[in-house]
Amino acid sequence: MPPYRQLRLLPLALACSLLTSAHGDAQGPSRPRPALPDSAPPPVEREFRAAWVATVGNMDWPTRRGLSSEQQQAEMIAILDKLVALHMNAVVFQVRPAADAFYQSSLEPWSDFLTGSMGRAPSPFYDPLAFATAEAHKRGLEMHVWINPYRARDESTRLVSAGHISRTNPELVRKYGPFLWMDPGDPAVRERTTNVVLDLVRRYDIDAVHMDDYFYPYPEVAKHREIPFPDDVTYKRYRASGGTLARADWRRENVNLLVKELYEGIHLVKPWVRFGISPFGIWRPGYPASVRGLDQYSVLYADARKWVREGWVDYFTPQLYWSTDKPQQSYVELLRWWSEQNLKNRHLWPGNYTGKVAFTNSAAWRTSEVLKQIRLTRAEPGASGNVHFSMTVFMQDPDNLDERLVSEAYSEPALVPASPWLARGTSAPAEPVLGMRYPRGANEHYLDLAPGAAPGAKPQRPWLWVLQSRTDTGWVTRILPGDTRSLLIGSKDTRLPSEVRVQAVDRLGIASRPQVLLIAR
């Protein structure tokens, strides 16, 4: 009798664990863990693991302007496949570097970093963001779209198109050093950025919106003197309308308003789409006491501590870009300080300058520095992941970075930590429906996966499946895309597992109770 005819399907009422998205089947199984005959499977690891994919200046993708659509797509596929091979679970993709777009937009022109000419669409046509999102999701990777809220033109940008803000609304743009900058003090700029973000959220199946550390610009210097940001017109208008804040406080409030409006607006459109910010790693010198460095509060007018204290973010990624031997920018002390500010218990996923492993000067790091920073992050109870800057270093793989990252830090697949504050009022996914198939004439065994449904409700496609199999050598954990419906689990050359446990995971990271399949072999 074929083994599948001897199967017993047992629902197991374990406590519902909170989960979130992660890797696809392409990552392959984790290494088996030893198990006693009646042992439960090990808990699935929970950790955010992502890399920034920068498009400004063709830093990471595409590698140069004007590549063909096919070449661009091939490069993106290589990036996503590399993330999967590294057991990462998200990509942070820069889609609006400077009031331009790496997607089809009626609000802003195509980026010149894509085609070599601002406003020119890829030919043959495709939508890079739609393509990258679909390919990421096929692999079980989250798509976080990365936008710059105020930069209007990078110094390497050639000619601007007729549809660029500097041509359509020049009154909103200021020249500052080699850049063009949208004036954060003009309410029309805040409205524009909000419209761009909400357009992205409505039209694309993204998982999160991500902002970087460029708010008011980093200071430009001429003749050894700092150039003041040219916002006299908007500040005078504010004062004339009855505003009473000093200029510095007014600038900070302009940024605060944008952050709060984006957080609220994103969740009104799609409650499961998260909002994250990656500010400069130091709030103010002296916080904590040993820290020295740029004062983002008074220079960038970014009150990042307020955003995390108020819970205006779903995740917070302070750029802790210093090595661990820098006492005035102590990785441990800064991470702990940011954790102490996290009064609403949002995700804390620090950013790491992993790209320094590829440096060839005195600022270069060894891979051991990156591994140490990951270990220190894991040792901080308030932190649960890392974001690596940037993707190119993994494609180059200096100092055996990729192999050591997988073997010493990311050996097991991991789920992105859940966001329970966004899940209030929602129920956990229904337990999946499992079955076994043994096709006639083939010595292969397949596990079939189907979404379950609550009584009277329709089945809902999960975001991910978590599959744990008990083998002769231990438990194997796999994280599969939610559209997986069948999986080969045994053949003439391999023994069937004795037990399979599957959970369905939704977009907010809530998991079903495990469904258990015991297999008589």
Protein backbone atom coordinates (compact mmCIF):
# COMPACT_ATOMS: atom_id res chain seq x y z
CA MET A 1 0.00 0.00 0.00
CA PRO A 2 1.43 3.44 -0.87
CA PRO A 3 2.52 5.30 2.25
CA TYR A 4 0.08 8.14 1.68
CA ARG A 5 -2.84 5.79 2.39
CA GLN A 6 -1.57 5.33 5.94
CA LEU A 7 -1.43 9.03 6.83
CA ARG A 8 -3.17 10.57 9.81
CA LEU A 9 -4.00 14.28 9.82
CA LEU A 10 -4.03 15.76 13.30
CA PRO A 11 -4.87 19.38 14.18
CA LEU A 12 -2.58 20.53 16.97
CA ALA A 13 -3.85 23.28 19.27
CA LEU A 14 -0.69 25.10 20.14
CA ALA A 15 -0.56 28.73 21.19
CA CYS A 16 -0.79 30.96 18.14
CA SER A 17 2.59 32.52 17.55
CA LEU A 18 3.01 35.88 15.86
CA LEU A 19 4.99 35.66 12.67
CA THR A 20 5.82 37.81 9.65
CA SER A 21 7.10 37.34 6.10
CA ALA A 22 10.37 35.86 4.96
CA HIS A 23 12.16 33.61 2.50
CA GLY A 24 10.90 31.58 -0.39
CA ASP A 25 11.46 28.02 -1.43
CA ALA A 26 14.48 29.02 -3.53
CA GLN A 27 16.47 29.35 -0.31
CA GLY A 28 16.24 25.66 0.30
CA PRO A 29 15.91 23.97 3.66
CA SER A 30 17.77 24.91 6.78
CA ARG A 31 20.24 22.47 8.29
CA PRO A 32 18.54 19.64 10.20
CA ARG A 33 18.52 20.04 13.96
CA PRO A 34 18.85 16.94 16.16
CA ALA A 35 15.54 15.87 17.68
CA LEU A 36 14.44 13.35 20.26
CA PRO A 37 11.73 10.94 19.07
CA ASP A 38 8.88 12.97 20.60
CA SER A 39 10.43 16.42 20.54
CA ALA A 40 8.58 19.47 19.25
CA PRO A 41 10.12 21.40 16.36
CA PRO A 42 12.44 24.27 17.23
CA PRO A 43 10.87 27.73 17.19
CA VAL A 44 11.19 29.51 13.86
CA GLU A 45 13.77 32.28 14.00
CA ARG A 46 12.44 35.86 13.96
CA GLU A 47 14.77 38.48 12.56
CA PHE A 48 14.62 41.21 9.93
CA ARG A 49 17.41 40.75 7.38
CA ALA A 50 17.52 43.20 4.51
CA ALA A 51 19.78 45.15 2.19
CA TRP A 52 19.37 48.56 0.65
CA VAL A 53 19.33 48.59 -3.16
CA ALA A 54 20.33 52.15 -4.05
CA THR A 55 19.48 53.56 -7.46
CA VAL A 56 20.83 57.11 -7.03
CA GLY A 57 24.01 57.43 -9.04
CA ASN A 58 23.50 53.82 -10.21
CA MET A 59 25.05 52.71 -6.94
CA ASP A 60 23.47 49.23 -6.86
CA TRP A 61 20.86 48.98 -9.63
CA PRO A 62 20.90 49.32 -12.54
CA THR A 63 24.67 49.26 -12.69
CA ARG A 64 24.68 51.97 -15.35
CA ARG A 65 22.24 54.19 -17.16
CA GLY A 66 20.67 53.03 -20.37
CA LEU A 67 20.85 49.24 -19.98
CA SER A 68 18.23 47.39 -21.98
CA SER A 69 15.05 46.27 -20.23
CA GLU A 70 16.29 42.70 -20.40
CA GLN A 71 19.63 43.61 -18.84
CA GLN A 72 17.94 45.58 -16.06
CA GLN A 73 15.62 42.69 -15.28
CA ALA A 74 18.51 40.22 -15.25
CA GLU A 75 20.40 42.41 -12.78
CA MET A 76 17.36 42.66 -10.52
CA ILE A 77 16.84 38.90 -10.61
CA ALA A 78 20.49 38.39 -9.65
CA ILE A 79 20.04 40.73 -6.67
CA LEU A 80 16.92 38.96 -5.44
CA ASP A 81 18.46 35.53 -5.91
CA LYS A 82 21.49 36.66 -3.92
CA LEU A 83 19.25 37.85 -1.06
CA VAL A 84 17.55 34.47 -1.02
CA ALA A 85 20.89 32.64 -1.03
CA LEU A 86 21.97 34.76 1.96
CA HIS A 87 18.80 33.81 3.89
CA MET A 88 17.62 37.42 3.94
CA ASN A 89 13.93 38.23 3.91
CA ALA A 90 13.46 41.75 2.53
CA VAL A 91 14.74 44.19 -0.06
CA VAL A 92 14.75 47.98 0.47
CA PHE A 93 14.50 49.31 -3.10
CA GLN A 94 15.06 53.01 -3.82
CA VAL A 95 12.26 54.10 -6.15
CA ARG A 96 12.29 57.89 -5.70
CA PRO A 97 15.84 59.20 -5.33
CA ALA A 98 15.24 62.80 -6.45
CA ALA A 99 11.63 63.73 -7.31
CA ASP A 100 11.74 61.07 -10.02
CA ALA A 101 10.41 57.54 -10.35
CA PHE A 102 11.56 53.99 -10.93
CA TYR A 103 7.97 53.09 -11.71
CA GLN A 104 5.21 54.35 -13.98
CA SER A 105 3.95 57.56 -12.41
CA SER A 106 1.64 60.38 -13.43
CA LEU A 107 3.14 62.55 -10.69
CA GLU A 108 6.89 62.44 -11.40
CA PRO A 109 9.09 61.62 -14.40
CA TRP A 110 11.05 58.45 -15.06
CA SER A 111 14.48 58.64 -13.45
CA ASP A 112 17.45 59.35 -15.69
CA PHE A 113 19.37 56.75 -13.65
CA LEU A 114 17.17 54.17 -15.35
CA THR A 115 17.23 55.05 -19.05
CA GLY A 116 19.84 57.79 -19.21
CA SER A 117 17.26 60.46 -19.97
CA MET A 118 14.81 61.79 -17.41
CA GLY A 119 11.22 61.21 -18.47
CA ARG A 120 12.05 58.38 -20.88
CA ALA A 121 10.34 55.07 -20.13
CA PRO A 122 12.15 51.73 -20.45
CA SER A 123 11.98 50.26 -23.94
CA PRO A 124 10.66 47.66 -24.43
CA PHE A 125 8.33 48.94 -21.75
CA TYR A 126 8.09 47.38 -18.32
CA ASP A 127 7.48 48.78 -14.85
CA PRO A 128 10.61 48.15 -12.73
CA LEU A 129 8.80 48.38 -9.40
CA ALA A 130 5.98 46.06 -10.47
CA PHE A 131 8.56 43.63 -11.85
CA ALA A 132 10.79 43.74 -8.77
CA THR A 133 7.83 43.38 -6.40
CA ALA A 134 6.43 40.35 -8.22
CA GLU A 135 9.85 38.68 -8.38
CA ALA A 136 10.57 39.43 -4.72
CA HIS A 137 7.25 37.97 -3.64
CA LYS A 138 7.84 34.84 -5.73
CA ARG A 139 10.88 34.31 -3.53
CA GLY A 140 9.13 35.13 -0.26
CA LEU A 141 10.98 38.45 0.08
CA GLU A 142 9.27 41.58 1.35
CA MET A 143 9.38 44.68 -0.86
CA HIS A 144 10.13 47.93 1.01
CA VAL A 145 10.04 50.96 -1.29
CA TRP A 146 12.60 53.58 -0.36
CA ILE A 147 11.87 57.23 -1.06
CA ASN A 148 13.69 60.49 -0.48
CA PRO A 149 11.12 63.05 0.65
CA TYR A 150 12.82 66.32 -0.32
CA ARG A 151 15.77 65.92 -2.69
CA ALA A 152 14.83 67.28 -6.12
CA ARG A 153 17.98 66.70 -8.11
CA ASP A 154 21.21 64.84 -7.51
CA GLU A 155 24.45 66.46 -8.65
CA SER A 156 25.02 63.64 -11.15
CA THR A 157 21.63 64.17 -12.81
CA ARG A 158 22.06 65.50 -16.33
CA LEU A 159 19.11 67.29 -17.90
CA VAL A 160 15.75 67.52 -16.14
CA SER A 161 12.61 66.79 -18.11
CA ALA A 162 9.63 69.06 -18.64
CA GLY A 163 7.67 67.05 -16.09
CA HIS A 164 10.16 67.52 -13.27
CA ILE A 165 9.16 69.64 -10.27
CA SER A 166 11.92 72.15 -10.99
CA ARG A 167 10.13 72.88 -14.29
CA THR A 168 6.49 72.47 -13.30
CA ASN A 169 6.70 74.09 -9.83
CA PRO A 170 9.96 76.03 -9.60
CA GLU A 171 8.59 78.03 -6.66
CA LEU A 172 8.85 74.89 -4.50
CA VAL A 173 12.51 74.21 -5.30
CA ARG A 174 15.68 75.70 -3.82
CA LYS A 175 19.23 75.41 -5.11
CA TYR A 176 21.53 74.31 -2.33
CA GLY A 177 25.14 73.57 -3.21
CA PRO A 178 25.21 71.21 -6.21
CA PHE A 179 21.67 69.97 -5.48
CA LEU A 180 18.10 71.06 -5.98
CA TRP A 181 15.98 70.64 -2.87
CA MET A 182 12.25 70.87 -2.29
CA ASP A 183 11.57 73.34 0.52
CA PRO A 184 10.16 71.38 3.49
CA GLY A 185 8.64 74.62 4.80
CA ASP A 186 6.13 74.86 1.96
CA PRO A 187 2.93 72.89 2.70
CA ALA A 188 2.67 72.12 -1.03
CA VAL A 189 5.89 70.09 -0.76
CA ARG A 190 4.49 68.04 2.09
CA GLU A 191 1.32 67.48 0.10
CA ARG A 192 3.29 66.40 -2.94
CA THR A 193 5.42 63.89 -1.04
CA THR A 194 2.33 62.49 0.67
CA ASN A 195 0.55 62.12 -2.68
CA VAL A 196 3.56 60.31 -4.16
CA VAL A 197 3.73 57.88 -1.24
CA LEU A 198 0.02 57.13 -1.14
CA ASP A 199 0.01 56.62 -4.90
CA LEU A 200 2.70 53.98 -4.43
CA VAL A 201 0.75 52.31 -1.65
CA ARG A 202 -2.49 52.23 -3.65
CA ARG A 203 -1.09 50.94 -6.93
CA TYR A 204 1.64 48.50 -5.91
CA ASP A 205 1.57 45.38 -3.75
CA ILE A 206 4.38 46.61 -1.53
CA ASP A 207 5.03 45.61 2.07
CA ALA A 208 6.47 48.85 3.45
CA VAL A 209 7.48 52.44 2.71
CA HIS A 210 10.97 53.45 3.82
CA MET A 211 12.49 56.95 4.21
CA ASP A 212 16.19 57.62 4.53
CA ASP A 213 18.13 60.22 6.53
CA TYR A 214 17.88 63.18 4.13
CA PHE A 215 15.41 65.65 5.62
CA TYR A 216 16.73 69.19 5.62
CA PRO A 217 20.00 68.71 3.73
CA TYR A 218 23.37 67.96 5.22
CA PRO A 219 25.27 71.28 5.34
CA GLU A 220 27.05 72.57 2.25
CA VAL A 221 30.20 74.62 2.76
CA ALA A 222 31.70 77.36 0.57
CA LYS A 223 34.90 79.24 1.39
CA HIS A 224 35.08 77.41 4.73
CA ARG A 225 31.66 78.70 5.76
CA GLU A 226 28.41 76.81 6.01
CA ILE A 227 25.82 77.84 3.44
CA PRO A 228 22.42 78.55 5.05
CA PHE A 229 19.45 76.74 3.56
CA PRO A 230 17.50 79.31 1.49
CA ASP A 231 14.05 79.19 3.06
CA ASP A 232 13.60 82.88 3.93
CA VAL A 233 10.51 83.14 1.72
CA THR A 234 8.61 80.29 3.35
CA TYR A 235 9.64 81.21 6.89
CA LYS A 236 8.53 84.84 6.43
CA ARG A 237 5.24 83.58 5.00
CA TYR A 238 4.80 81.36 8.05
CA ARG A 239 5.47 84.24 10.45
CA ALA A 240 3.15 86.55 8.50
CA SER A 241 0.36 83.99 8.87
CA GLY A 242 0.67 84.15 12.66
CA GLY A 243 3.27 81.44 13.26
CA THR A 244 5.33 81.91 16.41
CA LEU A 245 7.97 79.15 16.27
CA ALA A 246 11.64 80.04 15.97
CA ARG A 247 13.08 78.99 12.62
CA ALA A 248 14.81 75.87 13.93
CA ASP A 249 11.67 74.68 15.73
CA TRP A 250 9.56 75.51 12.66
CA ARG A 251 11.85 73.42 10.46
CA ARG A 252 11.60 70.46 12.81
CA GLU A 253 7.83 70.81 12.94
CA ASN A 254 7.68 70.77 9.12
CA VAL A 255 9.38 67.37 9.12
CA ASN A 256 7.30 66.12 12.06
CA LEU A 257 4.10 66.92 10.18
CA LEU A 258 5.25 64.94 7.14
CA VAL A 259 6.25 61.90 9.22
CA LYS A 260 2.96 61.83 11.14
CA GLU A 261 0.84 62.34 8.01
CA LEU A 262 2.64 59.58 6.14
CA TYR A 263 2.27 57.13 9.02
CA GLU A 264 -1.44 57.78 9.31
CA GLY A 265 -2.11 58.03 5.58
CA ILE A 266 -0.36 54.78 4.66
CA HIS A 267 -2.38 52.80 7.19
CA LEU A 268 -5.66 54.34 6.10
CA VAL A 269 -5.01 53.09 2.57
CA LYS A 270 -3.57 49.66 3.46
CA PRO A 271 -3.33 48.82 7.17
CA TRP A 272 -0.77 46.06 6.58
CA VAL A 273 1.79 48.28 4.80
CA ARG A 274 4.42 49.35 7.30
CA PHE A 275 6.27 52.66 7.50
CA GLY A 276 9.95 52.81 8.41
CA ILE A 277 12.56 55.53 8.73
CA SER A 278 16.33 55.26 8.65
CA PRO A 279 17.69 58.40 10.35
CA PHE A 280 21.26 59.36 11.07
CA GLY A 281 22.48 57.16 13.92
CA ILE A 282 23.00 59.96 16.48
CA TRP A 283 20.05 62.00 17.72
CA ARG A 284 22.19 64.60 19.53
CA PRO A 285 25.76 64.53 20.87
CA GLY A 286 25.65 63.49 24.51
CA TYR A 287 22.73 61.10 24.02
CA PRO A 288 23.97 58.77 25.41
CA ALA A 289 26.63 60.63 27.37
CA SER A 290 29.70 59.22 25.59
CA VAL A 291 28.47 59.98 22.07
CA ARG A 292 29.94 62.68 19.84
CA GLY A 293 29.10 63.50 16.23
CA LEU A 294 26.69 65.37 13.99
CA ASP A 295 23.63 66.80 15.70
CA GLN A 296 20.76 65.76 13.41
CA TYR A 297 18.25 67.54 15.66
CA SER A 298 19.81 70.94 14.99
CA VAL A 299 21.48 70.33 11.60
CA LEU A 300 19.03 68.15 9.69
CA TYR A 301 16.07 69.35 11.77
CA ALA A 302 15.10 65.73 12.28
CA ASP A 303 13.67 65.00 15.72
CA ALA A 304 14.03 61.26 15.22
CA ARG A 305 13.62 60.53 18.92
CA LYS A 306 10.15 62.08 18.82
CA TRP A 307 9.07 59.86 15.91
CA VAL A 308 9.95 56.64 17.65
CA ARG A 309 8.64 57.79 21.05
CA GLU A 310 5.30 58.78 19.51
CA GLY A 311 5.04 55.53 17.56
CA TRP A 312 4.90 57.30 14.18
CA VAL A 313 6.90 54.47 12.65
CA ASP A 314 6.41 50.72 12.41
CA TYR A 315 10.15 50.16 12.28
CA PHE A 316 13.16 52.29 13.05
CA THR A 317 16.54 51.84 11.38
CA PRO A 318 19.11 54.26 12.85
CA GLN A 319 22.23 54.22 10.71
CA LEU A 320 24.87 52.89 13.09
CA TYR A 321 27.61 53.11 10.49
CA TRP A 322 30.61 53.09 12.85
CA SER A 323 32.83 50.17 13.75
CA THR A 324 32.46 48.67 17.20
CA ASP A 325 35.82 50.04 18.42
CA LYS A 326 34.68 53.70 18.19
CA PRO A 327 34.03 54.83 21.78
CA GLN A 328 32.45 58.14 20.74
CA GLN A 329 29.98 56.33 18.46
CA SER A 330 29.62 53.14 20.47
CA TYR A 331 27.46 50.64 18.60
CA VAL A 332 26.26 49.03 21.82
CA GLU A 333 25.50 52.28 23.63
CA LEU A 334 23.73 53.88 20.68
CA LEU A 335 21.64 50.79 20.04
CA ARG A 336 20.67 50.56 23.69
CA TRP A 337 19.83 54.28 23.81
CA TRP A 338 17.55 54.02 20.78
CA SER A 339 15.92 50.97 22.35
CA GLU A 340 15.20 53.00 25.49
CA GLN A 341 13.43 55.64 23.37
CA ASN A 342 11.17 53.02 21.81
CA LEU A 343 8.25 53.58 24.16
CA LYS A 344 5.66 52.11 21.76
CA ASN A 345 7.66 48.89 21.17
CA ARG A 346 8.09 49.35 17.44
CA HIS A 347 10.65 47.31 15.52
CA LEU A 348 14.26 48.42 15.98
CA TRP A 349 16.39 47.25 13.05
CA PRO A 350 19.69 49.18 12.95
CA GLY A 351 21.45 49.92 9.68
CA ASN A 352 25.01 48.66 9.17
CA TYR A 353 27.62 49.93 6.72
CA THR A 354 28.43 46.45 5.43
CA GLY A 355 29.76 47.98 2.21
CA LYS A 356 32.93 48.97 4.08
CA VAL A 357 34.08 45.38 3.71
CA ALA A 358 34.73 46.27 0.05
CA PHE A 359 36.71 49.42 0.88
CA THR A 360 40.40 49.38 -0.01
CA ASN A 361 41.52 52.27 2.22
CA SER A 362 42.07 52.66 5.95
CA ALA A 363 38.31 52.81 6.56
CA ALA A 364 37.84 49.23 5.33
CA TRP A 365 36.25 46.61 7.55
CA ARG A 366 36.76 42.90 7.72
CA THR A 367 33.77 40.57 7.55
CA SER A 368 34.29 39.85 11.25
CA GLU A 369 33.17 43.42 12.04
CA VAL A 370 29.81 42.87 10.33
CA LEU A 371 29.33 39.56 12.12
CA LYS A 372 30.14 41.21 15.44
CA GLN A 373 27.55 43.94 14.82
CA ILE A 374 24.89 41.32 14.09
CA ARG A 375 25.78 39.53 17.33
CA LEU A 376 25.58 42.78 19.29
CA THR A 377 22.19 43.53 17.73
CA ARG A 378 20.92 40.11 18.78
CA ALA A 379 22.20 40.72 22.32
CA GLU A 380 20.05 43.88 22.65
CA PRO A 381 16.57 42.76 23.78
CA GLY A 382 14.88 45.72 22.05
CA ALA A 383 16.35 45.02 18.60
CA SER A 384 15.37 42.29 16.15
CA GLY A 385 17.25 42.64 12.89
CA ASN A 386 19.68 44.50 10.66
CA VAL A 387 19.64 46.37 7.34
CA HIS A 388 22.85 46.28 5.30
CA PHE A 389 24.17 49.12 3.17
CA SER A 390 24.35 48.28 0.40
CA MET A 391 23.62 45.46 -2.04
CA THR A 392 26.75 45.76 -4.20
CA VAL A 393 29.02 44.43 -1.47
CA PHE A 394 27.14 41.12 -1.51
CA MET A 395 27.39 40.90 -5.29
CA GLN A 396 31.18 41.48 -5.03
CA ASP A 397 31.63 39.21 -2.00
CA PRO A 398 34.91 40.59 -0.59
CA ASP A 399 36.65 38.89 2.34
CA ASN A 400 34.43 35.81 1.98
CA LEU A 401 31.51 37.93 3.22
CA ASP A 402 28.64 35.92 1.75
CA GLU A 403 29.77 32.47 2.87
CA ARG A 404 30.61 33.62 6.39
CA LEU A 405 27.34 35.54 6.71
CA VAL A 406 25.37 32.38 5.93
CA SER A 407 27.54 29.98 7.90
CA GLU A 408 28.05 32.15 11.00
CA ALA A 409 25.01 34.45 11.22
CA TYR A 410 22.20 33.57 8.81
CA SER A 411 22.44 29.79 8.72
CA GLU A 412 18.71 29.33 9.37
CA PRO A 413 15.87 30.99 7.47
CA ALA A 414 14.05 33.64 9.50
CA LEU A 415 10.66 35.29 9.55
CA VAL A 416 10.32 39.05 9.77
CA PRO A 417 9.09 39.96 13.26
CA ALA A 418 5.35 40.56 13.49
CA SER A 419 3.66 43.96 13.83
CA PRO A 420 0.86 43.23 16.31
CA TRP A 421 -0.12 46.91 16.74
CA LEU A 422 -1.31 46.82 13.11
CA ALA A 423 -3.15 43.53 13.60
CA ARG A 424 -5.63 44.69 16.24
CA GLY A 425 -9.13 43.60 15.37
CA THR A 426 -7.99 40.95 12.91
CA SER A 427 -8.04 37.22 13.40
CA ALA A 428 -5.25 34.75 12.81
CA PRO A 429 -5.27 32.83 9.54
CA ALA A 430 -7.16 29.57 9.46
CA GLU A 431 -5.18 26.37 9.75
CA PRO A 432 -3.99 25.14 6.35
CA VAL A 433 -5.39 22.09 4.63
CA LEU A 434 -2.75 19.41 4.01
CA GLY A 435 -2.72 16.34 1.84
CA MET A 436 -0.31 13.82 0.33
CA ARG A 437 -0.13 12.66 -3.25
CA TYR A 438 1.65 9.67 -4.70
CA PRO A 439 1.25 10.00 -8.48
CA ARG A 440 0.62 6.70 -10.24
CA GLY A 441 3.74 5.40 -11.90
CA ALA A 442 6.05 7.76 -10.06
CA ASN A 443 8.06 7.01 -6.97
CA GLU A 444 7.59 10.52 -5.57
CA HIS A 445 5.61 11.89 -2.64
CA TYR A 446 4.10 15.37 -2.72
CA LEU A 447 2.71 17.48 0.08
CA ASP A 448 -0.27 19.56 -1.06
CA LEU A 449 -0.93 22.90 0.67
CA ALA A 450 -4.19 24.82 0.59
CA PRO A 451 -5.46 27.78 2.61
CA GLY A 452 -7.95 26.98 5.30
CA ALA A 453 -11.04 29.05 6.04
CA ALA A 454 -12.98 30.08 9.11
CA PRO A 455 -16.58 28.83 9.23
CA GLY A 456 -18.64 30.71 6.67
CA ALA A 457 -15.61 32.52 5.21
CA LYS A 458 -13.66 32.09 2.00
CA PRO A 459 -10.09 30.75 2.07
CA GLN A 460 -7.49 33.51 2.06
CA ARG A 461 -4.15 33.08 0.31
CA PRO A 462 -1.41 33.26 2.96
CA TRP A 463 1.64 35.45 2.53
CA LEU A 464 3.93 32.59 3.56
CA TRP A 465 3.92 29.00 4.67
CA VAL A 466 6.16 27.80 7.49
CA LEU A 467 6.89 24.11 6.95
CA GLN A 468 8.77 22.02 9.49
CA SER A 469 9.62 18.39 8.76
CA ARG A 470 10.96 15.79 11.16
CA THR A 471 13.64 13.74 9.41
CA ASP A 472 15.86 10.95 10.68
CA THR A 473 18.52 13.51 11.59
CA GLY A 474 16.32 16.24 13.06
CA TRP A 475 13.91 19.01 12.17
CA VAL A 476 14.19 20.96 8.92
CA THR A 477 12.49 24.36 8.62
CA ARG A 478 11.49 25.88 5.31
CA ILE A 479 9.70 29.15 4.61
CA LEU A 480 7.74 29.10 1.36
CA PRO A 481 5.86 31.72 -0.67
CA GLY A 482 2.14 31.65 -0.04
CA ASP A 483 1.29 30.65 -3.60
CA THR A 484 3.09 27.31 -3.15
CA ARG A 485 0.50 24.56 -3.54
CA SER A 486 2.60 21.41 -3.88
CA LEU A 487 5.99 20.33 -2.65
CA LEU A 488 8.07 17.20 -3.27
CA ILE A 489 8.94 15.75 0.13
CA GLY A 490 10.11 12.25 -0.71
CA SER A 491 11.22 10.06 -3.61
CA LYS A 492 12.85 6.74 -4.33
CA ASP A 493 16.15 8.25 -3.19
CA THR A 494 14.99 9.91 0.02
CA ARG A 495 12.98 8.82 3.02
CA LEU A 496 9.76 10.57 3.86
CA PRO A 497 9.74 12.71 6.99
CA SER A 498 7.86 11.13 9.87
CA GLU A 499 6.02 14.35 10.69
CA VAL A 500 5.18 17.61 8.90
CA ARG A 501 3.88 20.77 10.56
CA VAL A 502 2.62 23.73 8.53
CA GLN A 503 1.47 27.20 9.52
CA ALA A 504 -0.04 29.89 7.31
CA VAL A 505 1.31 33.42 7.82
CA ASP A 506 -0.50 36.61 6.76
CA ARG A 507 0.86 39.99 5.66
CA LEU A 508 0.99 41.32 9.21
CA GLY A 509 2.88 38.29 10.45
CA ILE A 510 0.06 36.57 12.25
CA ALA A 511 0.31 32.80 12.03
CA SER A 512 -2.26 30.08 12.10
CA ARG A 513 -2.09 27.22 14.53
CA PRO A 514 0.06 24.47 13.07
CA GLN A 515 -1.55 21.69 11.11
CA VAL A 516 0.23 18.40 11.75
CA LEU A 517 0.63 15.48 9.39
CA LEU A 518 2.01 12.22 10.85
CA ILE A 519 3.42 9.88 8.22
CA ALA A 520 3.68 6.13 8.71
CA ARG A 521 6.77 5.01 6.82
